[in-house]
Amino acid sequence: MLDEQNTPLNSDLRRELDTMREDIRLYVKARLRKSQKRTDRSISRLEDRTEALEKRLDGLDAERRLTEYRIHSDTEQMLDGLLQEVRVIADRLEGKPA
């Protein structure tokens, strides 16, 4: 007799427990999805920042190379001018006409 009375009660409790488990499973699944989206957005932002920094570094590297070339060219022209002036002075000291 007690078994017959407990069966509906156990059945109701089992259904309620199953419903709670399903609710918890769906809740956890939704929270994980939300968390994954936040993580993906953060990673995407970091990748964007990294890409922007890489572009800036590439630009700075190109600018550095151009600056080095200009410095080399300007130095070479300045030295050529100085060499020409030294030759003119040397020619005058030797008494050669300019």
PDB file of N, CA and C in Angstrom:
ATOM      1  N   MET A   1       0.802  -1.181   0.000  1.00  0.00           N
ATOM      2  CA  MET A   1       0.000   0.000   0.000  1.00  0.00           C
ATOM      3  C   MET A   1       0.861   1.267   0.000  1.00  0.00           C
ATOM      4  N   LEU A   2       1.927   1.257   0.773  1.00  0.00           N
ATOM      5  CA  LEU A   2       2.814   2.402   0.782  1.00  0.00           C
ATOM      6  C   LEU A   2       3.513   2.573  -0.563  1.00  0.00           C
ATOM      7  N   ASP A   3       3.853   1.463  -1.185  1.00  0.00           N
ATOM      8  CA  ASP A   3       4.487   1.534  -2.488  1.00  0.00           C
ATOM      9  C   ASP A   3       3.597   2.217  -3.508  1.00  0.00           C
ATOM     10  N   GLU A   4       2.351   1.928  -3.475  1.00  0.00           N
ATOM     11  CA  GLU A   4       1.406   2.532  -4.412  1.00  0.00           C
ATOM     12  C   GLU A   4       1.275   4.030  -4.169  1.00  0.00           C
ATOM     13  N   GLN A   5       1.381   4.460  -2.948  1.00  0.00           N
ATOM     14  CA  GLN A   5       1.281   5.879  -2.635  1.00  0.00           C
ATOM     15  C   GLN A   5       2.567   6.618  -3.007  1.00  0.00           C
ATOM     16  N   ASN A   6       3.699   5.978  -2.847  1.00  0.00           N
ATOM     17  CA  ASN A   6       4.988   6.597  -3.151  1.00  0.00           C
ATOM     18  C   ASN A   6       5.266   6.679  -4.647  1.00  0.00           C
ATOM     19  N   THR A   7       4.712   5.798  -5.440  1.00  0.00           N
ATOM     20  CA  THR A   7       4.975   5.777  -6.874  1.00  0.00           C
ATOM     21  C   THR A   7       4.575   7.090  -7.554  1.00  0.00           C
ATOM     22  N   PRO A   8       3.375   7.627  -7.350  1.00  0.00           N
ATOM     23  CA  PRO A   8       3.043   8.906  -7.978  1.00  0.00           C
ATOM     24  C   PRO A   8       3.939  10.032  -7.456  1.00  0.00           C
ATOM     25  N   LEU A   9       4.260   9.985  -6.196  1.00  0.00           N
ATOM     26  CA  LEU A   9       5.116  11.014  -5.618  1.00  0.00           C
ATOM     27  C   LEU A   9       6.512  10.948  -6.233  1.00  0.00           C
ATOM     28  N   ASN A  10       7.065   9.750  -6.324  1.00  0.00           N
ATOM     29  CA  ASN A  10       8.383   9.570  -6.945  1.00  0.00           C
ATOM     30  C   ASN A  10       8.365   9.992  -8.406  1.00  0.00           C
ATOM     31  N   SER A  11       7.301   9.658  -9.074  1.00  0.00           N
ATOM     32  CA  SER A  11       7.172  10.014 -10.481  1.00  0.00           C
ATOM     33  C   SER A  11       7.128  11.526 -10.651  1.00  0.00           C
ATOM     34  N   ASP A  12       6.375  12.206  -9.816  1.00  0.00           N
ATOM     35  CA  ASP A  12       6.307  13.672  -9.877  1.00  0.00           C
ATOM     36  C   ASP A  12       7.655  14.301  -9.563  1.00  0.00           C
ATOM     37  N   LEU A  13       8.314  13.773  -8.549  1.00  0.00           N
ATOM     38  CA  LEU A  13       9.642  14.292  -8.200  1.00  0.00           C
ATOM     39  C   LEU A  13      10.649  14.043  -9.320  1.00  0.00           C
ATOM     40  N   ARG A  14      10.569  12.888  -9.934  1.00  0.00           N
ATOM     41  CA  ARG A  14      11.475  12.552 -11.036  1.00  0.00           C
ATOM     42  C   ARG A  14      11.266  13.522 -12.201  1.00  0.00           C
ATOM     43  N   ARG A  15      10.001  13.800 -12.550  1.00  0.00           N
ATOM     44  CA  ARG A  15       9.706  14.745 -13.638  1.00  0.00           C
ATOM     45  C   ARG A  15      10.233  16.142 -13.299  1.00  0.00           C
ATOM     46  N   GLU A  16      10.008  16.560 -12.062  1.00  0.00           N
ATOM     47  CA  GLU A  16      10.472  17.879 -11.644  1.00  0.00           C
ATOM     48  C   GLU A  16      11.993  17.941 -11.685  1.00  0.00           C
ATOM     49  N   LEU A  17      12.633  16.888 -11.237  1.00  0.00           N
ATOM     50  CA  LEU A  17      14.094  16.825 -11.281  1.00  0.00           C
ATOM     51  C   LEU A  17      14.592  16.865 -12.725  1.00  0.00           C
ATOM     52  N   ASP A  18      13.955  16.115 -13.610  1.00  0.00           N
ATOM     53  CA  ASP A  18      14.336  16.118 -15.030  1.00  0.00           C
ATOM     54  C   ASP A  18      14.135  17.499 -15.642  1.00  0.00           C
ATOM     55  N   THR A  19      13.048  18.152 -15.296  1.00  0.00           N
ATOM     56  CA  THR A  19      12.789  19.511 -15.789  1.00  0.00           C
ATOM     57  C   THR A  19      13.857  20.471 -15.296  1.00  0.00           C
ATOM     58  N   MET A  20      14.211  20.351 -14.027  1.00  0.00           N
ATOM     59  CA  MET A  20      15.255  21.220 -13.471  1.00  0.00           C
ATOM     60  C   MET A  20      16.598  20.961 -14.156  1.00  0.00           C
ATOM     61  N   ARG A  21      16.914  19.707 -14.389  1.00  0.00           N
ATOM     62  CA  ARG A  21      18.167  19.368 -15.076  1.00  0.00           C
ATOM     63  C   ARG A  21      18.194  19.973 -16.479  1.00  0.00           C
ATOM     64  N   GLU A  22      17.086  19.869 -17.186  1.00  0.00           N
ATOM     65  CA  GLU A  22      17.009  20.426 -18.536  1.00  0.00           C
ATOM     66  C   GLU A  22      17.143  21.949 -18.498  1.00  0.00           C
ATOM     67  N   ASP A  23      16.478  22.582 -17.538  1.00  0.00           N
ATOM     68  CA  ASP A  23      16.592  24.038 -17.386  1.00  0.00           C
ATOM     69  C   ASP A  23      18.032  24.443 -17.099  1.00  0.00           C
ATOM     70  N   ILE A  24      18.672  23.704 -16.217  1.00  0.00           N
ATOM     71  CA  ILE A  24      20.076  23.996 -15.887  1.00  0.00           C
ATOM     72  C   ILE A  24      20.963  23.780 -17.104  1.00  0.00           C
ATOM     73  N   ARG A  25      20.735  22.704 -17.831  1.00  0.00           N
ATOM     74  CA  ARG A  25      21.529  22.432 -19.030  1.00  0.00           C
ATOM     75  C   ARG A  25      21.387  23.561 -20.046  1.00  0.00           C
ATOM     76  N   LEU A  26      20.168  24.014 -20.275  1.00  0.00           N
ATOM     77  CA  LEU A  26      19.938  25.113 -21.221  1.00  0.00           C
ATOM     78  C   LEU A  26      20.561  26.416 -20.739  1.00  0.00           C
ATOM     79  N   TYR A  27      20.464  26.651 -19.426  1.00  0.00           N
ATOM     80  CA  TYR A  27      21.057  27.857 -18.846  1.00  0.00           C
ATOM     81  C   TYR A  27      22.579  27.850 -19.023  1.00  0.00           C
ATOM     82  N   VAL A  28      23.193  26.737 -18.699  1.00  0.00           N
ATOM     83  CA  VAL A  28      24.652  26.626 -18.828  1.00  0.00           C
ATOM     84  C   VAL A  28      25.064  26.762 -20.293  1.00  0.00           C
ATOM     85  N   LYS A  29      24.301  26.141 -21.167  1.00  0.00           N
ATOM     86  CA  LYS A  29      24.595  26.219 -22.602  1.00  0.00           C
ATOM     87  C   LYS A  29      24.527  27.671 -23.081  1.00  0.00           C
ATOM     88  N   ALA A  30      23.504  28.408 -22.659  1.00  0.00           N
ATOM     89  CA  ALA A  30      23.352  29.810 -23.048  1.00  0.00           C
ATOM     90  C   ALA A  30      24.486  30.654 -22.486  1.00  0.00           C
ATOM     91  N   ARG A  31      24.846  30.416 -21.226  1.00  0.00           N
ATOM     92  CA  ARG A  31      25.937  31.176 -20.606  1.00  0.00           C
ATOM     93  C   ARG A  31      27.268  30.894 -21.303  1.00  0.00           C
ATOM     94  N   LEU A  32      27.492  29.640 -21.660  1.00  0.00           N
ATOM     95  CA  LEU A  32      28.722  29.291 -22.376  1.00  0.00           C
ATOM     96  C   LEU A  32      28.778  29.969 -23.740  1.00  0.00           C
ATOM     97  N   ARG A  33      27.640  29.965 -24.436  1.00  0.00           N
ATOM     98  CA  ARG A  33      27.574  30.614 -25.738  1.00  0.00           C
ATOM     99  C   ARG A  33      27.878  32.107 -25.619  1.00  0.00           C
ATOM    100  N   LYS A  34      27.277  32.738 -24.603  1.00  0.00           N
ATOM    101  CA  LYS A  34      27.485  34.158 -24.373  1.00  0.00           C
ATOM    102  C   LYS A  34      28.955  34.432 -24.040  1.00  0.00           C
ATOM    103  N   SER A  35      29.508  33.598 -23.186  1.00  0.00           N
ATOM    104  CA  SER A  35      30.906  33.739 -22.805  1.00  0.00           C
ATOM    105  C   SER A  35      31.822  33.547 -24.013  1.00  0.00           C
ATOM    106  N   GLN A  36      31.502  32.584 -24.855  1.00  0.00           N
ATOM    107  CA  GLN A  36      32.308  32.335 -26.053  1.00  0.00           C
ATOM    108  C   GLN A  36      32.246  33.528 -27.005  1.00  0.00           C
ATOM    109  N   LYS A  37      31.066  34.122 -27.135  1.00  0.00           N
ATOM    110  CA  LYS A  37      30.939  35.299 -27.997  1.00  0.00           C
ATOM    111  C   LYS A  37      31.793  36.448 -27.468  1.00  0.00           C
ATOM    112  N   ARG A  38      31.763  36.664 -26.149  1.00  0.00           N
ATOM    113  CA  ARG A  38      32.593  37.720 -25.557  1.00  0.00           C
ATOM    114  C   ARG A  38      34.069  37.436 -25.807  1.00  0.00           C
ATOM    115  N   THR A  39      34.461  36.202 -25.623  1.00  0.00           N
ATOM    116  CA  THR A  39      35.858  35.821 -25.849  1.00  0.00           C
ATOM    117  C   THR A  39      36.235  36.034 -27.313  1.00  0.00           C
ATOM    118  N   ASP A  40      35.366  35.630 -28.216  1.00  0.00           N
ATOM    119  CA  ASP A  40      35.636  35.813 -29.643  1.00  0.00           C
ATOM    120  C   ASP A  40      35.767  37.290 -30.000  1.00  0.00           C
ATOM    121  N   ARG A  41      34.906  38.128 -29.425  1.00  0.00           N
ATOM    122  CA  ARG A  41      34.991  39.570 -29.692  1.00  0.00           C
ATOM    123  C   ARG A  41      36.303  40.131 -29.162  1.00  0.00           C
ATOM    124  N   SER A  42      36.694  39.703 -27.979  1.00  0.00           N
ATOM    125  CA  SER A  42      37.957  40.173 -27.404  1.00  0.00           C
ATOM    126  C   SER A  42      39.134  39.755 -28.269  1.00  0.00           C
ATOM    127  N   ILE A  43      39.114  38.526 -28.713  1.00  0.00           N
ATOM    128  CA  ILE A  43      40.191  38.037 -29.577  1.00  0.00           C
ATOM    129  C   ILE A  43      40.205  38.812 -30.887  1.00  0.00           C
ATOM    130  N   SER A  44      39.041  39.067 -31.430  1.00  0.00           N
ATOM    131  CA  SER A  44      38.946  39.825 -32.680  1.00  0.00           C
ATOM    132  C   SER A  44      39.518  41.230 -32.502  1.00  0.00           C
ATOM    133  N   ARG A  45      39.169  41.874 -31.388  1.00  0.00           N
ATOM    134  CA  ARG A  45      39.708  43.218 -31.130  1.00  0.00           C
ATOM    135  C   ARG A  45      41.229  43.175 -30.994  1.00  0.00           C
ATOM    136  N   LEU A  46      41.743  42.160 -30.307  1.00  0.00           N
ATOM    137  CA  LEU A  46      43.197  42.033 -30.166  1.00  0.00           C
ATOM    138  C   LEU A  46      43.860  41.792 -31.516  1.00  0.00           C
ATOM    139  N   GLU A  47      43.234  40.977 -32.355  1.00  0.00           N
ATOM    140  CA  GLU A  47      43.780  40.739 -33.688  1.00  0.00           C
ATOM    141  C   GLU A  47      43.776  42.019 -34.514  1.00  0.00           C
ATOM    142  N   ASP A  48      42.714  42.813 -34.400  1.00  0.00           N
ATOM    143  CA  ASP A  48      42.652  44.090 -35.112  1.00  0.00           C
ATOM    144  C   ASP A  48      43.744  45.037 -34.643  1.00  0.00           C
ATOM    145  N   ARG A  49      43.927  45.101 -33.327  1.00  0.00           N
ATOM    146  CA  ARG A  49      44.985  45.965 -32.786  1.00  0.00           C
ATOM    147  C   ARG A  49      46.362  45.485 -33.223  1.00  0.00           C
ATOM    148  N   THR A  50      46.563  44.172 -33.216  1.00  0.00           N
ATOM    149  CA  THR A  50      47.840  43.606 -33.646  1.00  0.00           C
ATOM    150  C   THR A  50      48.103  43.938 -35.105  1.00  0.00           C
ATOM    151  N   GLU A  51      47.077  43.791 -35.933  1.00  0.00           N
ATOM    152  CA  GLU A  51      47.226  44.103 -37.355  1.00  0.00           C
ATOM    153  C   GLU A  51      47.550  45.580 -37.558  1.00  0.00           C
ATOM    154  N   ALA A  52      46.885  46.456 -36.810  1.00  0.00           N
ATOM    155  CA  ALA A  52      47.159  47.893 -36.922  1.00  0.00           C
ATOM    156  C   ALA A  52      48.595  48.203 -36.506  1.00  0.00           C
ATOM    157  N   LEU A  53      49.050  47.569 -35.429  1.00  0.00           N
ATOM    158  CA  LEU A  53      50.433  47.774 -34.985  1.00  0.00           C
ATOM    159  C   LEU A  53      51.431  47.255 -36.012  1.00  0.00           C
ATOM    160  N   GLU A  54      51.128  46.108 -36.627  1.00  0.00           N
ATOM    161  CA  GLU A  54      52.017  45.573 -37.657  1.00  0.00           C
ATOM    162  C   GLU A  54      52.103  46.524 -38.845  1.00  0.00           C
ATOM    163  N   LYS A  55      50.966  47.116 -39.229  1.00  0.00           N
ATOM    164  CA  LYS A  55      50.970  48.083 -40.332  1.00  0.00           C
ATOM    165  C   LYS A  55      51.800  49.308 -39.977  1.00  0.00           C
ATOM    166  N   ARG A  56      51.630  49.779 -38.724  1.00  0.00           N
ATOM    167  CA  ARG A  56      52.426  50.931 -38.287  1.00  0.00           C
ATOM    168  C   ARG A  56      53.912  50.598 -38.302  1.00  0.00           C
ATOM    169  N   LEU A  57      54.259  49.398 -37.826  1.00  0.00           N
ATOM    170  CA  LEU A  57      55.669  48.989 -37.827  1.00  0.00           C
ATOM    171  C   LEU A  57      56.212  48.899 -39.244  1.00  0.00           C
ATOM    172  N   ASP A  58      55.409  48.344 -40.159  1.00  0.00           N
ATOM    173  CA  ASP A  58      55.838  48.268 -41.562  1.00  0.00           C
ATOM    174  C   ASP A  58      56.054  49.660 -42.127  1.00  0.00           C
ATOM    175  N   GLY A  59      55.140  50.574 -41.800  1.00  0.00           N
ATOM    176  CA  GLY A  59      55.283  51.957 -42.266  1.00  0.00           C
ATOM    177  C   GLY A  59      56.520  52.614 -41.693  1.00  0.00           C
ATOM    178  N   LEU A  60      56.767  52.389 -40.409  1.00  0.00           N
ATOM    179  CA  LEU A  60      57.957  52.958 -39.778  1.00  0.00           C
ATOM    180  C   LEU A  60      59.232  52.365 -40.371  1.00  0.00           C
ATOM    181  N   ASP A  61      59.201  51.078 -40.671  1.00  0.00           N
ATOM    182  CA  ASP A  61      60.372  50.437 -41.273  1.00  0.00           C
ATOM    183  C   ASP A  61      60.648  51.025 -42.657  1.00  0.00           C
ATOM    184  N   ALA A  62      59.595  51.206 -43.442  1.00  0.00           N
ATOM    185  CA  ALA A  62      59.758  51.806 -44.774  1.00  0.00           C
ATOM    186  C   ALA A  62      60.274  53.240 -44.654  1.00  0.00           C
ATOM    187  N   GLU A  63      59.720  53.981 -43.691  1.00  0.00           N
ATOM    188  CA  GLU A  63      60.169  55.362 -43.484  1.00  0.00           C
ATOM    189  C   GLU A  63      61.631  55.399 -43.040  1.00  0.00           C
ATOM    190  N   ARG A  64      62.009  54.454 -42.179  1.00  0.00           N
ATOM    191  CA  ARG A  64      63.405  54.379 -41.720  1.00  0.00           C
ATOM    192  C   ARG A  64      64.348  54.122 -42.886  1.00  0.00           C
ATOM    193  N   ARG A  65      63.956  53.183 -43.772  1.00  0.00           N
ATOM    194  CA  ARG A  65      64.797  52.891 -44.937  1.00  0.00           C
ATOM    195  C   ARG A  65      64.938  54.104 -45.843  1.00  0.00           C
ATOM    196  N   LEU A  66      63.835  54.826 -46.058  1.00  0.00           N
ATOM    197  CA  LEU A  66      63.905  56.037 -46.884  1.00  0.00           C
ATOM    198  C   LEU A  66      64.785  57.097 -46.233  1.00  0.00           C
ATOM    199  N   THR A  67      64.677  57.243 -44.936  1.00  0.00           N
ATOM    200  CA  THR A  67      65.490  58.221 -44.217  1.00  0.00           C
ATOM    201  C   THR A  67      66.966  57.853 -44.299  1.00  0.00           C
ATOM    202  N   GLU A  68      67.273  56.578 -44.115  1.00  0.00           N
ATOM    203  CA  GLU A  68      68.662  56.142 -44.239  1.00  0.00           C
ATOM    204  C   GLU A  68      69.191  56.412 -45.640  1.00  0.00           C
ATOM    205  N   TYR A  69      68.382  56.169 -46.664  1.00  0.00           N
ATOM    206  CA  TYR A  69      68.794  56.428 -48.042  1.00  0.00           C
ATOM    207  C   TYR A  69      69.058  57.922 -48.242  1.00  0.00           C
ATOM    208  N   ARG A  70      68.134  58.771 -47.726  1.00  0.00           N
ATOM    209  CA  ARG A  70      68.320  60.220 -47.872  1.00  0.00           C
ATOM    210  C   ARG A  70      69.580  60.679 -47.141  1.00  0.00           C
ATOM    211  N   ILE A  71      69.795  60.173 -45.944  1.00  0.00           N
ATOM    212  CA  ILE A  71      70.993  60.545 -45.186  1.00  0.00           C
ATOM    213  C   ILE A  71      72.235  60.130 -45.955  1.00  0.00           C
ATOM    214  N   HIS A  72      72.234  58.921 -46.479  1.00  0.00           N
ATOM    215  CA  HIS A  72      73.387  58.445 -47.249  1.00  0.00           C
ATOM    216  C   HIS A  72      73.602  59.318 -48.482  1.00  0.00           C
ATOM    217  N   SER A  73      72.523  59.589 -49.203  1.00  0.00           N
ATOM    218  CA  SER A  73      72.639  60.407 -50.418  1.00  0.00           C
ATOM    219  C   SER A  73      73.109  61.816 -50.085  1.00  0.00           C
ATOM    220  N   ASP A  74      72.519  62.419 -49.056  1.00  0.00           N
ATOM    221  CA  ASP A  74      72.916  63.779 -48.664  1.00  0.00           C
ATOM    222  C   ASP A  74      74.369  63.810 -48.202  1.00  0.00           C
ATOM    223  N   THR A  75      74.771  62.812 -47.443  1.00  0.00           N
ATOM    224  CA  THR A  75      76.158  62.742 -46.967  1.00  0.00           C
ATOM    225  C   THR A  75      77.108  62.579 -48.151  1.00  0.00           C
ATOM    226  N   GLU A  76      76.712  61.729 -49.088  1.00  0.00           N
ATOM    227  CA  GLU A  76      77.551  61.525 -50.273  1.00  0.00           C
ATOM    228  C   GLU A  76      77.681  62.816 -51.078  1.00  0.00           C
ATOM    229  N   GLN A  77      76.599  63.533 -51.257  1.00  0.00           N
ATOM    230  CA  GLN A  77      76.643  64.806 -51.996  1.00  0.00           C
ATOM    231  C   GLN A  77      77.495  65.830 -51.249  1.00  0.00           C
ATOM    232  N   MET A  78      77.339  65.884 -49.911  1.00  0.00           N
ATOM    233  CA  MET A  78      78.123  66.823 -49.110  1.00  0.00           C
ATOM    234  C   MET A  78      79.611  66.494 -49.205  1.00  0.00           C
ATOM    235  N   LEU A  79      79.943  65.209 -49.130  1.00  0.00           N
ATOM    236  CA  LEU A  79      81.354  64.812 -49.227  1.00  0.00           C
ATOM    237  C   LEU A  79      81.910  65.086 -50.617  1.00  0.00           C
ATOM    238  N   ASP A  80      81.104  64.858 -51.652  1.00  0.00           N
ATOM    239  CA  ASP A  80      81.536  65.179 -53.016  1.00  0.00           C
ATOM    240  C   ASP A  80      81.803  66.677 -53.151  1.00  0.00           C
ATOM    241  N   GLY A  81      80.924  67.493 -52.558  1.00  0.00           N
ATOM    242  CA  GLY A  81      81.125  68.953 -52.592  1.00  0.00           C
ATOM    243  C   GLY A  81      82.379  69.353 -51.851  1.00  0.00           C
ATOM    244  N   LEU A  82      82.606  68.781 -50.676  1.00  0.00           N
ATOM    245  CA  LEU A  82      83.815  69.081 -49.905  1.00  0.00           C
ATOM    246  C   LEU A  82      85.069  68.649 -50.653  1.00  0.00           C
ATOM    247  N   LEU A  83      85.016  67.474 -51.281  1.00  0.00           N
ATOM    248  CA  LEU A  83      86.156  66.987 -52.047  1.00  0.00           C
ATOM    249  C   LEU A  83      86.468  67.941 -53.203  1.00  0.00           C
ATOM    250  N   GLN A  84      85.416  68.415 -53.856  1.00  0.00           N
ATOM    251  CA  GLN A  84      85.607  69.364 -54.962  1.00  0.00           C
ATOM    252  C   GLN A  84      86.255  70.648 -54.450  1.00  0.00           C
ATOM    253  N   GLU A  85      85.806  71.160 -53.290  1.00  0.00           N
ATOM    254  CA  GLU A  85      86.383  72.373 -52.700  1.00  0.00           C
ATOM    255  C   GLU A  85      87.842  72.146 -52.322  1.00  0.00           C
ATOM    256  N   VAL A  86      88.157  70.968 -51.754  1.00  0.00           N
ATOM    257  CA  VAL A  86      89.543  70.655 -51.380  1.00  0.00           C
ATOM    258  C   VAL A  86      90.414  70.608 -52.627  1.00  0.00           C
ATOM    259  N   ARG A  87      89.911  70.055 -53.726  1.00  0.00           N
ATOM    260  CA  ARG A  87      90.684  70.008 -54.983  1.00  0.00           C
ATOM    261  C   ARG A  87      90.932  71.415 -55.526  1.00  0.00           C
ATOM    262  N   VAL A  88      89.900  72.248 -55.437  1.00  0.00           N
ATOM    263  CA  VAL A  88      90.067  73.639 -55.910  1.00  0.00           C
ATOM    264  C   VAL A  88      91.130  74.338 -55.067  1.00  0.00           C
ATOM    265  N   ILE A  89      91.069  74.147 -53.752  1.00  0.00           N
ATOM    266  CA  ILE A  89      92.070  74.772 -52.865  1.00  0.00           C
ATOM    267  C   ILE A  89      93.447  74.195 -53.171  1.00  0.00           C
ATOM    268  N   ALA A  90      93.545  72.898 -53.383  1.00  0.00           N
ATOM    269  CA  ALA A  90      94.835  72.264 -53.688  1.00  0.00           C
ATOM    270  C   ALA A  90      95.371  72.791 -55.003  1.00  0.00           C
ATOM    271  N   ASP A  91      94.502  72.934 -55.998  1.00  0.00           N
ATOM    272  CA  ASP A  91      94.951  73.474 -57.293  1.00  0.00           C
ATOM    273  C   ASP A  91      95.455  74.918 -57.140  1.00  0.00           C
ATOM    274  N   ARG A  92      94.783  75.714 -56.323  1.00  0.00           N
ATOM    275  CA  ARG A  92      95.231  77.103 -56.121  1.00  0.00           C
ATOM    276  C   ARG A  92      96.586  77.132 -55.406  1.00  0.00           C
ATOM    277  N   LEU A  93      96.736  76.232 -54.430  1.00  0.00           N
ATOM    278  CA  LEU A  93      98.003  76.186 -53.714  1.00  0.00           C
ATOM    279  C   LEU A  93      99.145  75.745 -54.625  1.00  0.00           C
ATOM    280  N   GLU A  94      98.865  74.904 -55.606  1.00  0.00           N
ATOM    281  CA  GLU A  94      99.900  74.463 -56.555  1.00  0.00           C
ATOM    282  C   GLU A  94     100.093  75.508 -57.652  1.00  0.00           C
ATOM    283  N   GLY A  95      99.213  76.456 -57.694  1.00  0.00           N
ATOM    284  CA  GLY A  95      99.338  77.504 -58.681  1.00  0.00           C
ATOM    285  C   GLY A  95      98.698  77.168 -59.999  1.00  0.00           C
ATOM    286  N   LYS A  96      97.861  76.154 -60.062  1.00  0.00           N
ATOM    287  CA  LYS A  96      97.149  75.802 -61.281  1.00  0.00           C
ATOM    288  C   LYS A  96      95.944  76.720 -61.443  1.00  0.00           C
ATOM    289  N   PRO A  97      95.601  77.087 -62.651  1.00  0.00           N
ATOM    290  CA  PRO A  97      94.405  77.896 -62.847  1.00  0.00           C
ATOM    291  C   PRO A  97      93.129  77.062 -62.598  1.00  0.00           C
ATOM    292  N   ALA A  98      92.119  77.691 -62.092  1.00  0.00           N
ATOM    293  CA  ALA A  98      90.889  76.994 -61.757  1.00  0.00           C
ATOM    294  C   ALA A  98      90.058  76.639 -62.946  1.00  0.00           C
TER     295      ALA A  98
END
